[in-house]
N, C-alpha and C. Protein backbone atom coordinates (compact mmCIF):
# COMPACT_ATOMS: atom_id res chain seq x y z
N UNK A 1 0.96 -1.11 -0.06
CA UNK A 1 -0.04 0.40 -0.02
C UNK A 1 1.21 0.86 0.01
N UNK A 2 0.57 1.66 -0.83
CA UNK A 2 1.29 3.74 -0.64
C UNK A 2 0.52 4.35 0.31
N UNK A 3 2.35 5.13 0.30
CA UNK A 3 2.24 6.04 1.60
C UNK A 3 1.56 6.70 0.71
N UNK A 4 0.78 7.66 1.96
CA UNK A 4 0.42 8.98 1.27
C UNK A 4 -0.03 9.90 2.35
N UNK A 5 1.44 11.12 1.71
CA UNK A 5 1.52 12.68 3.40
C UNK A 5 0.01 13.48 2.50
N UNK A 6 -1.10 14.12 2.67
CA UNK A 6 -1.45 15.00 3.15
C UNK A 6 -0.77 16.24 3.08
N UNK A 7 -1.10 17.27 1.34
CA UNK A 7 -0.20 18.40 2.07
C UNK A 7 -1.50 19.57 1.48
N UNK A 8 -1.41 20.79 2.28
CA UNK A 8 -2.89 21.21 1.89
C UNK A 8 -2.06 22.27 1.08
N UNK A 9 -3.24 22.55 0.01
CA UNK A 9 -3.00 23.70 -1.33
C UNK A 9 -3.26 24.73 -1.39
N UNK A 10 -4.82 24.38 -0.81
CA UNK A 10 -5.38 25.83 -0.90
C UNK A 10 -6.96 25.51 0.05
N UNK A 11 -7.28 27.00 0.52
CA UNK A 11 -7.93 26.84 1.41
C UNK A 11 -8.85 28.10 0.69
N UNK A 12 -10.49 27.91 0.87
CA UNK A 12 -11.16 29.10 -0.20
C UNK A 12 -12.66 28.73 0.68
N UNK A 13 -13.45 29.25 -0.54
CA UNK A 13 -14.91 28.84 -0.43
C UNK A 13 -15.24 27.47 -1.38
N UNK A 14 -15.69 27.24 -1.41
CA UNK A 14 -16.46 25.48 -1.42
C UNK A 14 -16.51 25.65 -3.11
N UNK A 15 -16.74 25.88 -3.70
CA UNK A 15 -16.65 26.14 -5.26
C UNK A 15 -15.60 26.68 -5.90
N UNK A 16 -14.40 27.79 -5.50
CA UNK A 16 -12.77 27.54 -5.77
C UNK A 16 -12.43 26.46 -5.53
N UNK A 17 -12.23 25.09 -4.35
CA UNK A 17 -12.50 24.47 -3.90
C UNK A 17 -12.75 22.85 -5.04
N UNK A 18 -13.37 23.57 -5.02
CA UNK A 18 -14.22 21.95 -6.51
C UNK A 18 -13.32 22.62 -7.79
N UNK A 19 -13.45 23.59 -8.10
CA UNK A 19 -13.70 24.24 -9.50
C UNK A 19 -11.94 23.40 -9.98
N UNK A 20 -10.99 23.69 -8.34
CA UNK A 20 -9.89 22.80 -8.18
C UNK A 20 -9.19 21.92 -8.81
N UNK A 21 -10.23 21.14 -7.86
CA UNK A 21 -10.10 19.91 -7.82
C UNK A 21 -10.74 18.83 -9.12
N UNK A 22 -11.58 20.02 -9.81
CA UNK A 22 -11.68 19.63 -10.96
C UNK A 22 -10.44 19.36 -11.57
N UNK A 23 -9.87 20.01 -12.28
CA UNK A 23 -8.39 20.40 -12.60
C UNK A 23 -7.39 19.73 -12.32
N UNK A 24 -7.55 19.70 -10.85
CA UNK A 24 -6.42 18.48 -11.07
C UNK A 24 -6.83 17.31 -10.73
N UNK A 25 -8.16 16.89 -10.85
CA UNK A 25 -8.36 15.23 -11.47
C UNK A 25 -8.28 14.97 -12.73
N UNK A 26 -8.43 16.70 -13.39
CA UNK A 26 -8.37 15.96 -15.25
C UNK A 26 -6.56 16.07 -15.77
N UNK A 27 -5.93 15.93 -14.59
CA UNK A 27 -4.36 15.41 -14.61
C UNK A 27 -4.08 14.37 -14.38
N UNK A 28 -4.66 13.40 -13.79
CA UNK A 28 -4.59 12.59 -12.42
C UNK A 28 -4.37 12.60 -11.73
N UNK A 29 -4.70 13.78 -10.97
CA UNK A 29 -4.24 14.15 -10.08
C UNK A 29 -5.56 13.95 -8.53
N UNK A 30 -5.32 13.23 -7.05
CA UNK A 30 -6.30 13.26 -7.37
C UNK A 30 -6.31 13.85 -5.29
N UNK A 31 -7.61 14.28 -5.15
CA UNK A 31 -7.57 15.51 -4.29
C UNK A 31 -8.26 15.09 -2.83
N UNK A 32 -8.63 15.94 -1.48
CA UNK A 32 -9.69 15.03 -1.06
C UNK A 32 -9.84 17.09 -0.53
N UNK A 33 -10.82 17.52 -0.38
CA UNK A 33 -11.64 18.98 0.58
C UNK A 33 -11.89 18.04 1.79
N UNK A 34 -11.60 18.78 2.85
CA UNK A 34 -11.48 18.77 3.80
C UNK A 34 -13.02 19.94 4.73
N UNK A 35 -13.53 20.03 5.62
CA UNK A 35 -14.59 21.02 6.09
C UNK A 35 -14.45 20.38 7.80
N UNK A 36 -13.94 21.45 8.60
CA UNK A 36 -13.51 21.96 9.37
C UNK A 36 -15.27 22.40 10.48
N UNK A 37 -15.89 22.45 9.59
CA UNK A 37 -17.53 23.84 10.04
C UNK A 37 -17.56 22.04 10.48
N UNK A 38 -19.20 22.90 11.64
CA UNK A 38 -20.53 22.08 11.74
C UNK A 38 -21.75 22.69 10.54
N UNK A 39 -21.47 23.64 9.50
CA UNK A 39 -22.55 23.37 8.89
C UNK A 39 -22.68 23.07 8.04
N UNK A 40 -22.89 21.98 8.30
CA UNK A 40 -23.28 20.42 7.22
C UNK A 40 -23.61 20.42 7.96
N UNK A 41 -23.89 19.90 9.24
CA UNK A 41 -25.39 19.38 10.42
C UNK A 41 -26.51 20.66 10.24
N UNK A 42 -25.94 21.77 9.51
CA UNK A 42 -26.79 22.82 9.87
C UNK A 42 -28.02 23.37 8.82
N UNK A 43 -26.79 22.64 7.98
CA UNK A 43 -27.87 22.37 6.41
C UNK A 43 -27.46 23.27 5.95
N UNK A 44 -26.28 23.76 6.03
CA UNK A 44 -25.58 25.22 4.61
C UNK A 44 -24.20 25.04 4.34
N UNK A 45 -23.34 26.00 4.01
CA UNK A 45 -22.55 25.48 2.49
C UNK A 45 -21.50 26.27 4.53
N UNK A 46 -20.30 25.70 4.35
CA UNK A 46 -19.41 26.39 4.57
C UNK A 46 -19.15 27.66 4.54
N UNK A 47 -17.62 28.99 5.27
CA UNK A 47 -17.39 29.89 4.42
C UNK A 47 -16.07 29.35 3.87
N UNK A 48 -15.60 28.76 4.77
CA UNK A 48 -14.14 27.48 3.83
C UNK A 48 -13.44 26.42 4.51
N UNK A 49 -13.46 25.42 3.05
CA UNK A 49 -12.66 24.83 3.72
C UNK A 49 -11.65 24.68 2.51
N UNK A 50 -10.54 23.56 2.60
CA UNK A 50 -9.55 23.01 2.26
C UNK A 50 -8.86 22.13 1.47
N UNK A 51 -8.02 21.94 0.78
CA UNK A 51 -8.05 21.27 -0.15
C UNK A 51 -6.69 20.47 -0.04
N UNK A 52 -6.63 19.16 -0.78
CA UNK A 52 -5.05 18.34 0.05
C UNK A 52 -4.89 17.63 -1.51
N UNK A 53 -3.36 17.60 -1.28
CA UNK A 53 -3.37 16.87 -2.49
C UNK A 53 -2.15 15.82 -1.85
N UNK A 54 -1.52 15.01 -2.14
CA UNK A 54 -0.41 14.26 -1.65
C UNK A 54 0.49 14.89 -2.14
N UNK A 55 0.88 14.32 -0.91
CA UNK A 55 2.80 15.73 -1.16
C UNK A 55 3.80 14.92 -2.59
N UNK A 56 3.49 14.29 -2.83
CA UNK A 56 4.09 13.57 -4.14
C UNK A 56 4.10 13.94 -5.77
N UNK A 57 2.40 14.71 -5.81
CA UNK A 57 1.76 15.28 -6.28
C UNK A 57 1.91 17.15 -6.70
N UNK A 58 2.72 17.40 -5.69
CA UNK A 58 2.67 18.60 -5.52
C UNK A 58 3.69 19.15 -6.50
N UNK A 59 4.86 18.97 -7.61
CA UNK A 59 6.09 19.44 -8.50
C UNK A 59 4.78 19.88 -9.43
N UNK A 60 3.66 18.33 -10.10
CA UNK A 60 2.96 18.07 -10.65
C UNK A 60 1.39 19.39 -10.54
N UNK A 61 1.45 19.26 -9.38
CA UNK A 61 0.26 20.41 -9.71
C UNK A 61 0.06 21.89 -9.02
N UNK A 62 1.63 22.58 -8.54
CA UNK A 62 2.03 23.80 -8.35
C UNK A 62 1.19 24.84 -9.87
N UNK A 63 1.41 24.51 -10.38
CA UNK A 63 1.44 25.27 -11.88
C UNK A 63 -0.13 25.83 -12.12
N UNK A 64 -0.90 24.59 -11.96
CA UNK A 64 -2.34 24.30 -11.24
C UNK A 64 -2.77 25.22 -10.43
N UNK A 65 -2.35 25.26 -9.87
CA UNK A 65 -2.67 25.80 -7.58
C UNK A 65 -2.68 27.13 -8.20
N UNK A 66 -1.69 27.78 -8.73
CA UNK A 66 -0.93 29.51 -8.97
C UNK A 66 -1.36 29.44 -9.81
N UNK A 67 -2.36 28.81 -10.83
CA UNK A 67 -3.09 29.69 -11.99
C UNK A 67 -3.91 29.66 -11.41
N UNK A 68 -5.33 28.73 -10.77
CA UNK A 68 -6.21 29.54 -10.37
C UNK A 68 -6.36 30.16 -9.32
N UNK A 69 -5.36 30.56 -8.70
CA UNK A 69 -5.06 31.49 -7.82
C UNK A 69 -5.04 32.52 -8.09
N UNK A 70 -4.16 32.60 -8.88
CA UNK A 70 -4.35 34.52 -9.39
C UNK A 70 -5.48 35.09 -10.28
N UNK A 71 -6.23 33.99 -10.37
CA UNK A 71 -7.54 34.63 -11.99
C UNK A 71 -8.73 34.70 -10.79
N UNK A 72 -9.04 34.34 -9.54
CA UNK A 72 -9.95 33.85 -8.80
C UNK A 72 -10.60 35.71 -8.31
């Protein structure tokens, strides 16, 4: 089993995180959105979420991440 070391690469709105997640997925990079908010239990969207990827994919992902952040 491959060891995965998750690193946070983005923090922001859920919509932006989903957009970035989609772009990363298109290049074969898997990601995970984490939300520490209790908003889901209240039926609302969180103000902010974090996006994580495997540290091994960071070099491949950094230009995609930078491009999205610079164009928000």
